[in-house]
């Protein structure tokens, strides 16, 4: 299940630390944290799942909960191989789930 469906107080701190209170199997709210630098990379100016350290080459990182479904979207300007900045976004719910109160990459 996408993490945002069983989360509250979702935020991204320091441009790369995803934090939220996730509901576990007992219904309790548990503080959870995931360093997005361990799961997101910069592939020539585009976010890439399974990469790493996207924030090293990112600027203007923002995070918003968007739309009626409350989709968690991360945006940033990512530097490509030519040194140009490309503005891209990634839906964090595409690959991040809640596994009993802990973030997990699918």
PDB file of N, CA and C in Angstrom:
ATOM      1  N   UNK A   1       0.846  -1.170   0.000  1.00  0.00           N
ATOM      2  CA  UNK A   1       0.000   0.000   0.000  1.00  0.00           C
ATOM      3  C   UNK A   1       0.898   1.243   0.000  1.00  0.00           C
ATOM      4  N   UNK A   2       0.554   2.207  -0.848  1.00  0.00           N
ATOM      5  CA  UNK A   2       1.307   3.457  -0.866  1.00  0.00           C
ATOM      6  C   UNK A   2       1.277   4.097   0.516  1.00  0.00           C
ATOM      7  N   UNK A   3       2.422   4.564   0.953  1.00  0.00           N
ATOM      8  CA  UNK A   3       2.560   5.013   2.345  1.00  0.00           C
ATOM      9  C   UNK A   3       1.621   6.147   2.711  1.00  0.00           C
ATOM     10  N   UNK A   4       1.329   7.037   1.768  1.00  0.00           N
ATOM     11  CA  UNK A   4       0.562   8.232   2.101  1.00  0.00           C
ATOM     12  C   UNK A   4      -0.881   7.931   2.512  1.00  0.00           C
ATOM     13  N   UNK A   5      -1.374   6.729   2.196  1.00  0.00           N
ATOM     14  CA  UNK A   5      -2.744   6.365   2.549  1.00  0.00           C
ATOM     15  C   UNK A   5      -2.880   6.010   4.019  1.00  0.00           C
ATOM     16  N   UNK A   6      -1.767   5.747   4.693  1.00  0.00           N
ATOM     17  CA  UNK A   6      -1.791   5.414   6.123  1.00  0.00           C
ATOM     18  C   UNK A   6      -0.744   6.247   6.869  1.00  0.00           C
ATOM     19  N   UNK A   7      -0.670   7.538   6.482  1.00  0.00           N
ATOM     20  CA  UNK A   7       0.338   8.434   7.081  1.00  0.00           C
ATOM     21  C   UNK A   7      -0.293   9.765   7.453  1.00  0.00           C
ATOM     22  N   UNK A   8       0.362  10.435   8.378  1.00  0.00           N
ATOM     23  CA  UNK A   8      -0.011  11.803   8.735  1.00  0.00           C
ATOM     24  C   UNK A   8       1.266  12.589   9.000  1.00  0.00           C
ATOM     25  N   UNK A   9       1.139  13.903   8.926  1.00  0.00           N
ATOM     26  CA  UNK A   9       2.272  14.807   9.147  1.00  0.00           C
ATOM     27  C   UNK A   9       3.461  14.463   8.243  1.00  0.00           C
ATOM     28  N   UNK A  10       3.177  14.246   6.968  1.00  0.00           N
ATOM     29  CA  UNK A  10       4.220  13.903   5.997  1.00  0.00           C
ATOM     30  C   UNK A  10       5.002  15.163   5.644  1.00  0.00           C
ATOM     31  N   UNK A  11       6.331  15.029   5.606  1.00  0.00           N
ATOM     32  CA  UNK A  11       7.183  16.164   5.263  1.00  0.00           C
ATOM     33  C   UNK A  11       8.524  15.660   4.748  1.00  0.00           C
ATOM     34  N   UNK A  12       9.258  16.560   4.102  1.00  0.00           N
ATOM     35  CA  UNK A  12      10.636  16.281   3.703  1.00  0.00           C
ATOM     36  C   UNK A  12      11.505  17.350   4.343  1.00  0.00           C
ATOM     37  N   UNK A  13      12.429  16.931   5.186  1.00  0.00           N
ATOM     38  CA  UNK A  13      13.328  17.837   5.885  1.00  0.00           C
ATOM     39  C   UNK A  13      14.702  17.822   5.223  1.00  0.00           C
ATOM     40  N   UNK A  14      15.390  18.929   5.283  1.00  0.00           N
ATOM     41  CA  UNK A  14      16.754  19.055   4.756  1.00  0.00           C
ATOM     42  C   UNK A  14      16.855  18.676   3.279  1.00  0.00           C
ATOM     43  N   UNK A  15      15.734  18.737   2.560  1.00  0.00           N
ATOM     44  CA  UNK A  15      15.737  18.478   1.133  1.00  0.00           C
ATOM     45  C   UNK A  15      15.834  17.022   0.734  1.00  0.00           C
ATOM     46  N   UNK A  16      15.927  16.093   1.718  1.00  0.00           N
ATOM     47  CA  UNK A  16      16.042  14.683   1.339  1.00  0.00           C
ATOM     48  C   UNK A  16      15.606  13.677   2.402  1.00  0.00           C
ATOM     49  N   UNK A  17      15.154  14.113   3.559  1.00  0.00           N
ATOM     50  CA  UNK A  17      14.727  13.188   4.613  1.00  0.00           C
ATOM     51  C   UNK A  17      13.199  13.168   4.669  1.00  0.00           C
ATOM     52  N   UNK A  18      12.613  12.064   4.226  1.00  0.00           N
ATOM     53  CA  UNK A  18      11.165  11.881   4.283  1.00  0.00           C
ATOM     54  C   UNK A  18      10.794  11.446   5.694  1.00  0.00           C
ATOM     55  N   UNK A  19       9.870  12.184   6.299  1.00  0.00           N
ATOM     56  CA  UNK A  19       9.423  11.861   7.655  1.00  0.00           C
ATOM     57  C   UNK A  19       7.901  11.883   7.685  1.00  0.00           C
ATOM     58  N   UNK A  20       7.341  11.015   8.508  1.00  0.00           N
ATOM     59  CA  UNK A  20       5.888  10.965   8.691  1.00  0.00           C
ATOM     60  C   UNK A  20       5.579  10.105   9.901  1.00  0.00           C
ATOM     61  N   UNK A  21       4.337  10.175  10.313  1.00  0.00           N
ATOM     62  CA  UNK A  21       3.808   9.228  11.286  1.00  0.00           C
ATOM     63  C   UNK A  21       3.043   8.208  10.461  1.00  0.00           C
ATOM     64  N   UNK A  22       3.468   6.944  10.550  1.00  0.00           N
ATOM     65  CA  UNK A  22       2.836   5.865   9.795  1.00  0.00           C
ATOM     66  C   UNK A  22       2.055   4.971  10.737  1.00  0.00           C
ATOM     67  N   UNK A  23       0.925   4.503  10.261  1.00  0.00           N
ATOM     68  CA  UNK A  23       0.122   3.608  11.080  1.00  0.00           C
ATOM     69  C   UNK A  23       0.651   2.185  10.935  1.00  0.00           C
ATOM     70  N   UNK A  24       0.851   1.522  12.081  1.00  0.00           N
ATOM     71  CA  UNK A  24       1.322   0.135  12.040  1.00  0.00           C
ATOM     72  C   UNK A  24       0.122  -0.817  12.086  1.00  0.00           C
ATOM     73  N   UNK A  25       0.394  -2.117  12.105  1.00  0.00           N
ATOM     74  CA  UNK A  25      -0.657  -3.126  12.086  1.00  0.00           C
ATOM     75  C   UNK A  25      -1.586  -3.085  13.278  1.00  0.00           C
ATOM     76  N   UNK A  26      -1.133  -2.504  14.389  1.00  0.00           N
ATOM     77  CA  UNK A  26      -1.964  -2.383  15.583  1.00  0.00           C
ATOM     78  C   UNK A  26      -2.806  -1.112  15.577  1.00  0.00           C
ATOM     79  N   UNK A  27      -2.621  -0.278  14.543  1.00  0.00           N
ATOM     80  CA  UNK A  27      -3.360   0.978  14.470  1.00  0.00           C
ATOM     81  C   UNK A  27      -2.668   2.128  15.166  1.00  0.00           C
ATOM     82  N   UNK A  28      -1.464   1.887  15.703  1.00  0.00           N
ATOM     83  CA  UNK A  28      -0.710   2.942  16.379  1.00  0.00           C
ATOM     84  C   UNK A  28       0.030   3.790  15.353  1.00  0.00           C
ATOM     85  N   UNK A  29       0.245   5.059  15.677  1.00  0.00           N
ATOM     86  CA  UNK A  29       1.018   5.960  14.830  1.00  0.00           C
ATOM     87  C   UNK A  29       2.472   5.926  15.275  1.00  0.00           C
ATOM     88  N   UNK A  30       3.358   5.644  14.324  1.00  0.00           N
ATOM     89  CA  UNK A  30       4.774   5.452  14.608  1.00  0.00           C
ATOM     90  C   UNK A  30       5.580   6.453  13.771  1.00  0.00           C
ATOM     91  N   UNK A  31       6.549   7.118  14.409  1.00  0.00           N
ATOM     92  CA  UNK A  31       7.449   8.013  13.673  1.00  0.00           C
ATOM     93  C   UNK A  31       8.313   7.188  12.728  1.00  0.00           C
ATOM     94  N   UNK A  32       8.381   7.610  11.467  1.00  0.00           N
ATOM     95  CA  UNK A  32       9.189   6.898  10.477  1.00  0.00           C
ATOM     96  C   UNK A  32      10.022   7.905   9.696  1.00  0.00           C
ATOM     97  N   UNK A  33      11.157   7.429   9.194  1.00  0.00           N
ATOM     98  CA  UNK A  33      12.096   8.288   8.479  1.00  0.00           C
ATOM     99  C   UNK A  33      12.766   7.481   7.368  1.00  0.00           C
ATOM    100  N   UNK A  34      12.964   8.146   6.215  1.00  0.00           N
ATOM    101  CA  UNK A  34      13.675   7.526   5.103  1.00  0.00           C
ATOM    102  C   UNK A  34      14.526   8.589   4.425  1.00  0.00           C
ATOM    103  N   UNK A  35      15.815   8.338   4.325  1.00  0.00           N
ATOM    104  CA  UNK A  35      16.701   9.245   3.601  1.00  0.00           C
ATOM    105  C   UNK A  35      16.505   8.971   2.114  1.00  0.00           C
ATOM    106  N   UNK A  36      15.880   9.911   1.416  1.00  0.00           N
ATOM    107  CA  UNK A  36      15.593   9.730  -0.007  1.00  0.00           C
ATOM    108  C   UNK A  36      16.861   9.616  -0.840  1.00  0.00           C
ATOM    109  N   UNK A  37      17.987  10.062  -0.305  1.00  0.00           N
ATOM    110  CA  UNK A  37      19.268   9.902  -1.010  1.00  0.00           C
ATOM    111  C   UNK A  37      19.665   8.426  -1.141  1.00  0.00           C
ATOM    112  N   UNK A  38      19.028   7.551  -0.375  1.00  0.00           N
ATOM    113  CA  UNK A  38      19.340   6.127  -0.467  1.00  0.00           C
ATOM    114  C   UNK A  38      18.485   5.412  -1.510  1.00  0.00           C
ATOM    115  N   UNK A  39      17.463   6.088  -2.043  1.00  0.00           N
ATOM    116  CA  UNK A  39      16.563   5.438  -3.005  1.00  0.00           C
ATOM    117  C   UNK A  39      16.350   6.227  -4.295  1.00  0.00           C
ATOM    118  N   UNK A  40      16.753   7.513  -4.306  1.00  0.00           N
ATOM    119  CA  UNK A  40      16.561   8.355  -5.490  1.00  0.00           C
ATOM    120  C   UNK A  40      17.893   8.905  -5.968  1.00  0.00           C
ATOM    121  N   UNK A  41      18.097   8.812  -7.257  1.00  0.00           N
ATOM    122  CA  UNK A  41      19.304   9.362  -7.856  1.00  0.00           C
ATOM    123  C   UNK A  41      18.962  10.404  -8.903  1.00  0.00           C
ATOM    124  N   UNK A  42      19.995  10.953  -9.503  1.00  0.00           N
ATOM    125  CA  UNK A  42      19.877  11.903 -10.600  1.00  0.00           C
ATOM    126  C   UNK A  42      20.508  11.249 -11.823  1.00  0.00           C
ATOM    127  N   UNK A  43      19.677  10.892 -12.798  1.00  0.00           N
ATOM    128  CA  UNK A  43      20.154  10.283 -14.033  1.00  0.00           C
ATOM    129  C   UNK A  43      20.111  11.341 -15.132  1.00  0.00           C
ATOM    130  N   UNK A  44      21.209  12.087 -15.260  1.00  0.00           N
ATOM    131  CA  UNK A  44      21.344  13.133 -16.276  1.00  0.00           C
ATOM    132  C   UNK A  44      20.205  14.151 -16.236  1.00  0.00           C
ATOM    133  N   UNK A  45      19.848  14.558 -15.019  1.00  0.00           N
ATOM    134  CA  UNK A  45      18.850  15.603 -14.838  1.00  0.00           C
ATOM    135  C   UNK A  45      17.433  15.109 -14.615  1.00  0.00           C
ATOM    136  N   UNK A  46      17.282  13.809 -14.384  1.00  0.00           N
ATOM    137  CA  UNK A  46      15.965  13.219 -14.163  1.00  0.00           C
ATOM    138  C   UNK A  46      16.039  12.328 -12.924  1.00  0.00           C
ATOM    139  N   UNK A  47      15.001  12.382 -12.066  1.00  0.00           N
ATOM    140  CA  UNK A  47      14.950  11.492 -10.905  1.00  0.00           C
ATOM    141  C   UNK A  47      14.999  10.043 -11.364  1.00  0.00           C
ATOM    142  N   UNK A  48      15.748   9.218 -10.640  1.00  0.00           N
ATOM    143  CA  UNK A  48      15.789   7.785 -10.956  1.00  0.00           C
ATOM    144  C   UNK A  48      15.673   6.980  -9.663  1.00  0.00           C
ATOM    145  N   UNK A  49      14.675   6.083  -9.641  1.00  0.00           N
ATOM    146  CA  UNK A  49      14.505   5.176  -8.508  1.00  0.00           C
ATOM    147  C   UNK A  49      15.647   4.183  -8.502  1.00  0.00           C
ATOM    148  N   UNK A  50      16.109   3.839  -7.320  1.00  0.00           N
ATOM    149  CA  UNK A  50      17.183   2.876  -7.183  1.00  0.00           C
ATOM    150  C   UNK A  50      18.556   3.501  -7.259  1.00  0.00           C
ATOM    151  N   UNK A  51      18.607   4.773  -7.611  1.00  0.00           N
ATOM    152  CA  UNK A  51      19.878   5.489  -7.614  1.00  0.00           C
ATOM    153  C   UNK A  51      20.177   5.980  -6.216  1.00  0.00           C
ATOM    154  N   UNK A  52      21.012   7.005  -6.142  1.00  0.00           N
ATOM    155  CA  UNK A  52      21.336   7.557  -4.839  1.00  0.00           C
ATOM    156  C   UNK A  52      21.859   8.967  -4.934  1.00  0.00           C
ATOM    157  N   UNK A  53      21.800   9.663  -3.814  1.00  0.00           N
ATOM    158  CA  UNK A  53      22.403  10.996  -3.646  1.00  0.00           C
ATOM    159  C   UNK A  53      21.888  12.048  -4.612  1.00  0.00           C
ATOM    160  N   UNK A  54      20.588  12.006  -4.946  1.00  0.00           N
ATOM    161  CA  UNK A  54      20.030  13.011  -5.843  1.00  0.00           C
ATOM    162  C   UNK A  54      20.254  14.432  -5.330  1.00  0.00           C
ATOM    163  N   UNK A  55      20.229  14.609  -4.004  1.00  0.00           N
ATOM    164  CA  UNK A  55      20.264  15.965  -3.450  1.00  0.00           C
ATOM    165  C   UNK A  55      21.610  16.662  -3.649  1.00  0.00           C
ATOM    166  N   UNK A  56      22.661  15.895  -3.928  1.00  0.00           N
ATOM    167  CA  UNK A  56      23.973  16.502  -4.155  1.00  0.00           C
ATOM    168  C   UNK A  56      23.945  17.413  -5.381  1.00  0.00           C
ATOM    169  N   UNK A  57      23.155  17.023  -6.392  1.00  0.00           N
ATOM    170  CA  UNK A  57      23.092  17.799  -7.630  1.00  0.00           C
ATOM    171  C   UNK A  57      21.731  18.467  -7.814  1.00  0.00           C
ATOM    172  N   UNK A  58      21.012  18.679  -6.713  1.00  0.00           N
ATOM    173  CA  UNK A  58      19.673  19.260  -6.773  1.00  0.00           C
ATOM    174  C   UNK A  58      19.652  20.663  -6.196  1.00  0.00           C
ATOM    175  N   UNK A  59      18.718  21.443  -6.693  1.00  0.00           N
ATOM    176  CA  UNK A  59      18.484  22.768  -6.128  1.00  0.00           C
ATOM    177  C   UNK A  59      16.984  23.006  -6.056  1.00  0.00           C
ATOM    178  N   UNK A  60      16.596  23.898  -5.164  1.00  0.00           N
ATOM    179  CA  UNK A  60      15.186  24.259  -5.039  1.00  0.00           C
ATOM    180  C   UNK A  60      14.272  23.094  -4.733  1.00  0.00           C
ATOM    181  N   UNK A  61      14.709  22.170  -3.894  1.00  0.00           N
ATOM    182  CA  UNK A  61      13.898  20.995  -3.565  1.00  0.00           C
ATOM    183  C   UNK A  61      12.658  21.441  -2.796  1.00  0.00           C
ATOM    184  N   UNK A  62      11.485  20.981  -3.270  1.00  0.00           N
ATOM    185  CA  UNK A  62      10.223  21.260  -2.586  1.00  0.00           C
ATOM    186  C   UNK A  62       9.434  19.969  -2.447  1.00  0.00           C
ATOM    187  N   UNK A  63       8.524  19.963  -1.491  1.00  0.00           N
ATOM    188  CA  UNK A  63       7.661  18.805  -1.263  1.00  0.00           C
ATOM    189  C   UNK A  63       6.258  19.322  -0.990  1.00  0.00           C
ATOM    190  N   UNK A  64       5.284  18.732  -1.663  1.00  0.00           N
ATOM    191  CA  UNK A  64       3.885  19.112  -1.473  1.00  0.00           C
ATOM    192  C   UNK A  64       3.006  17.873  -1.519  1.00  0.00           C
ATOM    193  N   UNK A  65       1.915  17.931  -0.776  1.00  0.00           N
ATOM    194  CA  UNK A  65       0.848  16.953  -0.885  1.00  0.00           C
ATOM    195  C   UNK A  65      -0.151  17.563  -1.865  1.00  0.00           C
ATOM    196  N   UNK A  66      -0.414  16.863  -2.981  1.00  0.00           N
ATOM    197  CA  UNK A  66      -1.176  17.471  -4.067  1.00  0.00           C
ATOM    198  C   UNK A  66      -2.430  16.696  -4.433  1.00  0.00           C
ATOM    199  N   UNK A  67      -3.427  17.438  -4.883  1.00  0.00           N
ATOM    200  CA  UNK A  67      -4.650  16.863  -5.430  1.00  0.00           C
ATOM    201  C   UNK A  67      -5.583  16.276  -4.395  1.00  0.00           C
ATOM    202  N   UNK A  68      -6.729  15.839  -4.886  1.00  0.00           N
ATOM    203  CA  UNK A  68      -7.762  15.273  -4.026  1.00  0.00           C
ATOM    204  C   UNK A  68      -7.298  13.996  -3.344  1.00  0.00           C
ATOM    205  N   UNK A  69      -6.374  13.269  -3.982  1.00  0.00           N
ATOM    206  CA  UNK A  69      -5.866  12.024  -3.402  1.00  0.00           C
ATOM    207  C   UNK A  69      -4.690  12.242  -2.460  1.00  0.00           C
ATOM    208  N   UNK A  70      -4.247  13.485  -2.302  1.00  0.00           N
ATOM    209  CA  UNK A  70      -3.144  13.782  -1.389  1.00  0.00           C
ATOM    210  C   UNK A  70      -1.845  13.127  -1.788  1.00  0.00           C
ATOM    211  N   UNK A  71      -1.484  13.232  -3.069  1.00  0.00           N
ATOM    212  CA  UNK A  71      -0.284  12.583  -3.597  1.00  0.00           C
ATOM    213  C   UNK A  71       0.973  13.325  -3.125  1.00  0.00           C
ATOM    214  N   UNK A  72       1.959  12.603  -2.585  1.00  0.00           N
ATOM    215  CA  UNK A  72       3.204  13.226  -2.101  1.00  0.00           C
ATOM    216  C   UNK A  72       4.188  13.421  -3.272  1.00  0.00           C
ATOM    217  N   UNK A  73       4.433  14.682  -3.635  1.00  0.00           N
ATOM    218  CA  UNK A  73       5.261  14.993  -4.802  1.00  0.00           C
ATOM    219  C   UNK A  73       6.515  15.763  -4.382  1.00  0.00           C
ATOM    220  N   UNK A  74       7.669  15.238  -4.802  1.00  0.00           N
ATOM    221  CA  UNK A  74       8.960  15.888  -4.581  1.00  0.00           C
ATOM    222  C   UNK A  74       9.378  16.542  -5.891  1.00  0.00           C
ATOM    223  N   UNK A  75       9.798  17.816  -5.843  1.00  0.00           N
ATOM    224  CA  UNK A  75      10.258  18.539  -7.027  1.00  0.00           C
ATOM    225  C   UNK A  75      11.650  19.088  -6.762  1.00  0.00           C
ATOM    226  N   UNK A  76      12.433  19.167  -7.832  1.00  0.00           N
ATOM    227  CA  UNK A  76      13.774  19.750  -7.709  1.00  0.00           C
ATOM    228  C   UNK A  76      14.324  20.080  -9.082  1.00  0.00           C
ATOM    229  N   UNK A  77      15.271  20.996  -9.080  1.00  0.00           N
ATOM    230  CA  UNK A  77      16.071  21.253 -10.266  1.00  0.00           C
ATOM    231  C   UNK A  77      17.276  20.335 -10.193  1.00  0.00           C
ATOM    232  N   UNK A  78      17.410  19.434 -11.147  1.00  0.00           N
ATOM    233  CA  UNK A  78      18.495  18.454 -11.154  1.00  0.00           C
ATOM    234  C   UNK A  78      19.471  18.794 -12.269  1.00  0.00           C
ATOM    235  N   UNK A  79      20.748  18.851 -11.932  1.00  0.00           N
ATOM    236  CA  UNK A  79      21.784  19.189 -12.900  1.00  0.00           C
ATOM    237  C   UNK A  79      22.084  17.995 -13.794  1.00  0.00           C
ATOM    238  N   UNK A  80      22.120  18.255 -15.121  1.00  0.00           N
ATOM    239  CA  UNK A  80      22.457  17.170 -16.039  1.00  0.00           C
ATOM    240  C   UNK A  80      23.955  17.197 -16.349  1.00  0.00           C
ATOM    241  N   UNK A  81      24.405  16.316 -17.240  1.00  0.00           N
ATOM    242  CA  UNK A  81      25.830  16.179 -17.539  1.00  0.00           C
ATOM    243  C   UNK A  81      26.434  17.430 -18.185  1.00  0.00           C
ATOM    244  N   UNK A  82      25.596  18.254 -18.808  1.00  0.00           N
ATOM    245  CA  UNK A  82      26.074  19.491 -19.430  1.00  0.00           C
ATOM    246  C   UNK A  82      26.089  20.662 -18.448  1.00  0.00           C
ATOM    247  N   UNK A  83      25.631  20.418 -17.220  1.00  0.00           N
ATOM    248  CA  UNK A  83      25.589  21.475 -16.219  1.00  0.00           C
ATOM    249  C   UNK A  83      24.295  22.261 -16.228  1.00  0.00           C
ATOM    250  N   UNK A  84      23.361  21.884 -17.101  1.00  0.00           N
ATOM    251  CA  UNK A  84      22.060  22.550 -17.151  1.00  0.00           C
ATOM    252  C   UNK A  84      21.166  21.993 -16.044  1.00  0.00           C
ATOM    253  N   UNK A  85      20.234  22.823 -15.597  1.00  0.00           N
ATOM    254  CA  UNK A  85      19.294  22.409 -14.558  1.00  0.00           C
ATOM    255  C   UNK A  85      17.957  22.062 -15.202  1.00  0.00           C
ATOM    256  N   UNK A  86      17.493  20.855 -14.946  1.00  0.00           N
ATOM    257  CA  UNK A  86      16.188  20.392 -15.419  1.00  0.00           C
ATOM    258  C   UNK A  86      15.263  20.269 -14.221  1.00  0.00           C
ATOM    259  N   UNK A  87      14.074  20.845 -14.336  1.00  0.00           N
ATOM    260  CA  UNK A  87      13.111  20.782 -13.244  1.00  0.00           C
ATOM    261  C   UNK A  87      12.219  19.568 -13.442  1.00  0.00           C
ATOM    262  N   UNK A  88      12.223  18.697 -12.456  1.00  0.00           N
ATOM    263  CA  UNK A  88      11.437  17.467 -12.524  1.00  0.00           C
ATOM    264  C   UNK A  88      10.747  17.208 -11.201  1.00  0.00           C
ATOM    265  N   UNK A  89       9.760  16.321 -11.252  1.00  0.00           N
ATOM    266  CA  UNK A  89       9.086  15.900 -10.024  1.00  0.00           C
ATOM    267  C   UNK A  89       8.962  14.389 -10.019  1.00  0.00           C
ATOM    268  N   UNK A  90       8.723  13.871  -8.827  1.00  0.00           N
ATOM    269  CA  UNK A  90       8.528  12.432  -8.660  1.00  0.00           C
ATOM    270  C   UNK A  90       7.449  12.217  -7.605  1.00  0.00           C
ATOM    271  N   UNK A  91       6.525  11.313  -7.917  1.00  0.00           N
ATOM    272  CA  UNK A  91       5.477  10.919  -6.991  1.00  0.00           C
ATOM    273  C   UNK A  91       6.080   9.881  -6.052  1.00  0.00           C
ATOM    274  N   UNK A  92       6.299  10.233  -4.808  1.00  0.00           N
ATOM    275  CA  UNK A  92       6.938   9.322  -3.858  1.00  0.00           C
ATOM    276  C   UNK A  92       6.095   8.086  -3.566  1.00  0.00           C
ATOM    277  N   UNK A  93       4.786   8.186  -3.783  1.00  0.00           N
ATOM    278  CA  UNK A  93       3.908   7.040  -3.531  1.00  0.00           C
ATOM    279  C   UNK A  93       4.030   5.964  -4.611  1.00  0.00           C
ATOM    280  N   UNK A  94       4.728   6.265  -5.710  1.00  0.00           N
ATOM    281  CA  UNK A  94       4.920   5.272  -6.771  1.00  0.00           C
ATOM    282  C   UNK A  94       5.673   4.047  -6.258  1.00  0.00           C
ATOM    283  N   UNK A  95       6.641   4.268  -5.384  1.00  0.00           N
ATOM    284  CA  UNK A  95       7.526   3.166  -4.981  1.00  0.00           C
ATOM    285  C   UNK A  95       7.708   3.023  -3.477  1.00  0.00           C
ATOM    286  N   UNK A  96       7.259   4.002  -2.696  1.00  0.00           N
ATOM    287  CA  UNK A  96       7.454   3.933  -1.244  1.00  0.00           C
ATOM    288  C   UNK A  96       6.151   3.491  -0.592  1.00  0.00           C
ATOM    289  N   UNK A  97       6.258   2.474   0.259  1.00  0.00           N
ATOM    290  CA  UNK A  97       5.088   1.926   0.939  1.00  0.00           C
ATOM    291  C   UNK A  97       5.270   1.994   2.452  1.00  0.00           C
ATOM    292  N   UNK A  98       4.199   1.665   3.160  1.00  0.00           N
ATOM    293  CA  UNK A  98       4.213   1.545   4.609  1.00  0.00           C
ATOM    294  C   UNK A  98       4.186   0.068   4.943  1.00  0.00           C
ATOM    295  N   UNK A  99       5.244  -0.411   5.565  1.00  0.00           N
ATOM    296  CA  UNK A  99       5.298  -1.808   6.010  1.00  0.00           C
ATOM    297  C   UNK A  99       5.295  -1.814   7.528  1.00  0.00           C
ATOM    298  N   UNK A 100       4.115  -1.938   8.102  1.00  0.00           N
ATOM    299  CA  UNK A 100       3.926  -2.012   9.558  1.00  0.00           C
ATOM    300  C   UNK A 100       4.575  -0.842  10.295  1.00  0.00           C
ATOM    301  N   UNK A 101       4.403   0.361   9.740  1.00  0.00           N
ATOM    302  CA  UNK A 101       4.890   1.555  10.418  1.00  0.00           C
ATOM    303  C   UNK A 101       6.288   1.975   9.996  1.00  0.00           C
ATOM    304  N   UNK A 102       6.847   1.343   8.973  1.00  0.00           N
ATOM    305  CA  UNK A 102       8.176   1.693   8.470  1.00  0.00           C
ATOM    306  C   UNK A 102       8.099   1.915   6.964  1.00  0.00           C
ATOM    307  N   UNK A 103       8.879   2.905   6.471  1.00  0.00           N
ATOM    308  CA  UNK A 103       8.954   3.116   5.033  1.00  0.00           C
ATOM    309  C   UNK A 103       9.672   1.934   4.382  1.00  0.00           C
ATOM    310  N   UNK A 104       9.185   1.559   3.187  1.00  0.00           N
ATOM    311  CA  UNK A 104       9.832   0.485   2.439  1.00  0.00           C
ATOM    312  C   UNK A 104       9.757   0.821   0.941  1.00  0.00           C
ATOM    313  N   UNK A 105      10.837   0.561   0.250  1.00  0.00           N
ATOM    314  CA  UNK A 105      10.883   0.795  -1.191  1.00  0.00           C
ATOM    315  C   UNK A 105      10.428  -0.463  -1.920  1.00  0.00           C
ATOM    316  N   UNK A 106       9.519  -0.297  -2.851  1.00  0.00           N
ATOM    317  CA  UNK A 106       9.010  -1.422  -3.664  1.00  0.00           C
ATOM    318  C   UNK A 106       9.661  -1.409  -5.027  1.00  0.00           C
TER     319      UNK A 106
END
